[in-house]
């Protein structure tokens, strides 16, 4: 049992690190540029743009943008599911996790009164 767990960790750890690395390495794109190009995109390019826009919103770490980021994550999920775009769905999962982490962090800071919202 212990060996199975260790083998699972050895196999999955590099995948998890790599999944996070592509998001961390590149800076977020400007929100206004993404919003401008979004209406002209279709299919996987549109899902990629929605994902990038959601990531840019969450990178801002501004509470007023979190609702917009969540809306974009949901829209990207719906459109990626519709066209069966697996990579887009994977990025949606990462963006969703980042959203929840930031949201929980803000709730914690609000509870201890370090940051007034």
C-alpha atoms as a PDB file:
ATOM      1  CA  UNK A   1       0.000   0.000   0.000  1.00  0.00           C
ATOM      2  CA  UNK A   2       2.777   2.398   0.910  1.00  0.00           C
ATOM      3  CA  UNK A   3       4.664   1.601  -2.306  1.00  0.00           C
ATOM      4  CA  UNK A   4       1.563   2.318  -4.404  1.00  0.00           C
ATOM      5  CA  UNK A   5       1.202   5.710  -2.753  1.00  0.00           C
ATOM      6  CA  UNK A   6       4.869   6.562  -3.321  1.00  0.00           C
ATOM      7  CA  UNK A   7       4.636   5.440  -6.952  1.00  0.00           C
ATOM      8  CA  UNK A   8       1.524   7.548  -7.449  1.00  0.00           C
ATOM      9  CA  UNK A   9       3.212  10.609  -5.964  1.00  0.00           C
ATOM     10  CA  UNK A  10       6.326  10.089  -8.097  1.00  0.00           C
ATOM     11  CA  UNK A  11       4.178   9.864 -11.231  1.00  0.00           C
ATOM     12  CA  UNK A  12       1.752  12.704 -10.486  1.00  0.00           C
ATOM     13  CA  UNK A  13       4.071  15.265  -8.868  1.00  0.00           C
ATOM     14  CA  UNK A  14       5.860  16.282 -12.095  1.00  0.00           C
ATOM     15  CA  UNK A  15       2.520  16.613 -13.866  1.00  0.00           C
ATOM     16  CA  UNK A  16       1.130  18.880 -11.161  1.00  0.00           C
ATOM     17  CA  UNK A  17       4.253  21.022 -11.097  1.00  0.00           C
ATOM     18  CA  UNK A  18       4.218  21.338 -14.879  1.00  0.00           C
ATOM     19  CA  UNK A  19       0.527  22.249 -14.893  1.00  0.00           C
ATOM     20  CA  UNK A  20       1.201  25.120 -12.509  1.00  0.00           C
ATOM     21  CA  UNK A  21       4.413  26.230 -14.214  1.00  0.00           C
ATOM     22  CA  UNK A  22       2.859  27.325 -17.496  1.00  0.00           C
ATOM     23  CA  UNK A  23       0.534  29.676 -15.625  1.00  0.00           C
ATOM     24  CA  UNK A  24       3.246  31.149 -13.418  1.00  0.00           C
ATOM     25  CA  UNK A  25       5.914  31.697 -16.056  1.00  0.00           C
ATOM     26  CA  UNK A  26       4.062  34.115 -18.262  1.00  0.00           C
ATOM     27  CA  UNK A  27       2.709  37.487 -17.167  1.00  0.00           C
ATOM     28  CA  UNK A  28      -1.017  38.099 -17.621  1.00  0.00           C
ATOM     29  CA  UNK A  29      -2.059  39.821 -20.828  1.00  0.00           C
ATOM     30  CA  UNK A  30      -3.718  43.258 -20.725  1.00  0.00           C
ATOM     31  CA  UNK A  31      -7.424  42.987 -19.966  1.00  0.00           C
ATOM     32  CA  UNK A  32      -8.489  45.657 -22.455  1.00  0.00           C
ATOM     33  CA  UNK A  33      -6.668  43.923 -25.330  1.00  0.00           C
ATOM     34  CA  UNK A  34      -8.293  40.588 -24.523  1.00  0.00           C
ATOM     35  CA  UNK A  35     -11.748  42.158 -24.299  1.00  0.00           C
ATOM     36  CA  UNK A  36     -11.232  43.848 -27.649  1.00  0.00           C
ATOM     37  CA  UNK A  37     -10.288  40.667 -29.525  1.00  0.00           C
ATOM     38  CA  UNK A  38     -12.773  38.303 -27.813  1.00  0.00           C
ATOM     39  CA  UNK A  39     -15.854  39.009 -30.012  1.00  0.00           C
ATOM     40  CA  UNK A  40     -13.973  38.077 -33.191  1.00  0.00           C
ATOM     41  CA  UNK A  41     -12.737  34.682 -31.927  1.00  0.00           C
ATOM     42  CA  UNK A  42     -14.388  31.283 -32.360  1.00  0.00           C
ATOM     43  CA  UNK A  43     -14.035  27.760 -30.967  1.00  0.00           C
ATOM     44  CA  UNK A  44     -10.776  26.908 -29.149  1.00  0.00           C
ATOM     45  CA  UNK A  45      -9.278  30.378 -29.689  1.00  0.00           C
ATOM     46  CA  UNK A  46     -12.293  31.894 -27.935  1.00  0.00           C
ATOM     47  CA  UNK A  47     -11.979  29.459 -25.008  1.00  0.00           C
ATOM     48  CA  UNK A  48      -8.268  30.264 -24.733  1.00  0.00           C
ATOM     49  CA  UNK A  49      -9.056  33.983 -24.703  1.00  0.00           C
ATOM     50  CA  UNK A  50     -11.760  33.540 -22.049  1.00  0.00           C
ATOM     51  CA  UNK A  51      -9.332  31.547 -19.912  1.00  0.00           C
ATOM     52  CA  UNK A  52      -6.601  34.144 -20.317  1.00  0.00           C
ATOM     53  CA  UNK A  53      -9.033  36.942 -19.503  1.00  0.00           C
ATOM     54  CA  UNK A  54     -10.182  35.129 -16.346  1.00  0.00           C
ATOM     55  CA  UNK A  55      -6.547  34.606 -15.341  1.00  0.00           C
ATOM     56  CA  UNK A  56      -5.755  38.281 -15.946  1.00  0.00           C
ATOM     57  CA  UNK A  57      -8.712  39.269 -13.761  1.00  0.00           C
ATOM     58  CA  UNK A  58      -7.598  37.024 -10.906  1.00  0.00           C
ATOM     59  CA  UNK A  59      -3.986  38.208 -11.258  1.00  0.00           C
ATOM     60  CA  UNK A  60      -5.207  41.745 -10.575  1.00  0.00           C
ATOM     61  CA  UNK A  61      -6.317  40.504  -7.136  1.00  0.00           C
ATOM     62  CA  UNK A  62      -8.975  43.189  -6.999  1.00  0.00           C
ATOM     63  CA  UNK A  63     -12.131  42.012  -5.234  1.00  0.00           C
ATOM     64  CA  UNK A  64     -14.415  43.835  -7.679  1.00  0.00           C
ATOM     65  CA  UNK A  65     -13.016  41.776 -10.569  1.00  0.00           C
ATOM     66  CA  UNK A  66     -13.600  38.389  -8.924  1.00  0.00           C
ATOM     67  CA  UNK A  67     -17.238  38.182 -10.010  1.00  0.00           C
ATOM     68  CA  UNK A  68     -16.182  38.907 -13.576  1.00  0.00           C
ATOM     69  CA  UNK A  69     -13.443  36.288 -13.352  1.00  0.00           C
ATOM     70  CA  UNK A  70     -15.894  33.672 -12.090  1.00  0.00           C
ATOM     71  CA  UNK A  71     -18.327  34.512 -14.887  1.00  0.00           C
ATOM     72  CA  UNK A  72     -15.547  34.075 -17.455  1.00  0.00           C
ATOM     73  CA  UNK A  73     -14.461  30.751 -15.932  1.00  0.00           C
ATOM     74  CA  UNK A  74     -18.028  29.463 -16.195  1.00  0.00           C
ATOM     75  CA  UNK A  75     -18.364  30.705 -19.769  1.00  0.00           C
ATOM     76  CA  UNK A  76     -15.025  29.115 -20.763  1.00  0.00           C
ATOM     77  CA  UNK A  77     -16.155  25.832 -19.208  1.00  0.00           C
ATOM     78  CA  UNK A  78     -19.439  25.867 -21.097  1.00  0.00           C
ATOM     79  CA  UNK A  79     -17.819  26.654 -24.436  1.00  0.00           C
ATOM     80  CA  UNK A  80     -14.932  24.187 -23.976  1.00  0.00           C
ATOM     81  CA  UNK A  81     -17.409  21.445 -23.052  1.00  0.00           C
ATOM     82  CA  UNK A  82     -19.533  22.227 -26.086  1.00  0.00           C
ATOM     83  CA  UNK A  83     -16.622  21.743 -28.517  1.00  0.00           C
ATOM     84  CA  UNK A  84     -14.922  19.042 -26.402  1.00  0.00           C
ATOM     85  CA  UNK A  85     -11.734  21.114 -26.042  1.00  0.00           C
ATOM     86  CA  UNK A  86      -9.718  19.155 -23.479  1.00  0.00           C
ATOM     87  CA  UNK A  87      -6.842  21.628 -23.075  1.00  0.00           C
ATOM     88  CA  UNK A  88      -9.330  24.435 -22.521  1.00  0.00           C
ATOM     89  CA  UNK A  89     -11.119  22.384 -19.870  1.00  0.00           C
ATOM     90  CA  UNK A  90      -7.794  21.777 -18.123  1.00  0.00           C
ATOM     91  CA  UNK A  91      -7.034  25.485 -18.014  1.00  0.00           C
ATOM     92  CA  UNK A  92     -10.566  26.123 -16.711  1.00  0.00           C
ATOM     93  CA  UNK A  93      -9.824  23.785 -13.788  1.00  0.00           C
ATOM     94  CA  UNK A  94      -6.603  25.683 -13.006  1.00  0.00           C
ATOM     95  CA  UNK A  95      -8.374  29.060 -13.232  1.00  0.00           C
ATOM     96  CA  UNK A  96     -11.181  27.785 -11.032  1.00  0.00           C
ATOM     97  CA  UNK A  97      -8.690  26.625  -8.408  1.00  0.00           C
ATOM     98  CA  UNK A  98      -6.869  29.950  -8.516  1.00  0.00           C
ATOM     99  CA  UNK A  99     -10.182  31.765  -8.099  1.00  0.00           C
ATOM    100  CA  UNK A 100     -11.106  29.690  -5.039  1.00  0.00           C
ATOM    101  CA  UNK A 101      -7.666  30.145  -3.475  1.00  0.00           C
ATOM    102  CA  UNK A 102      -7.808  33.918  -3.881  1.00  0.00           C
ATOM    103  CA  UNK A 103     -11.401  34.099  -2.704  1.00  0.00           C
ATOM    104  CA  UNK A 104     -10.642  32.080   0.427  1.00  0.00           C
ATOM    105  CA  UNK A 105      -7.561  34.211   1.055  1.00  0.00           C
ATOM    106  CA  UNK A 106      -9.646  37.384   0.860  1.00  0.00           C
ATOM    107  CA  UNK A 107     -12.240  35.938   3.216  1.00  0.00           C
ATOM    108  CA  UNK A 108      -9.506  35.103   5.706  1.00  0.00           C
ATOM    109  CA  UNK A 109      -7.962  38.584   5.443  1.00  0.00           C
ATOM    110  CA  UNK A 110     -11.379  40.165   5.832  1.00  0.00           C
ATOM    111  CA  UNK A 111     -12.074  38.088   8.953  1.00  0.00           C
ATOM    112  CA  UNK A 112      -8.856  39.177  10.626  1.00  0.00           C
ATOM    113  CA  UNK A 113      -9.380  42.779   9.465  1.00  0.00           C
ATOM    114  CA  UNK A 114      -6.085  43.124   7.605  1.00  0.00           C
ATOM    115  CA  UNK A 115      -7.757  44.202   4.419  1.00  0.00           C
ATOM    116  CA  UNK A 116     -10.955  46.169   4.303  1.00  0.00           C
ATOM    117  CA  UNK A 117     -13.185  45.332   1.364  1.00  0.00           C
END
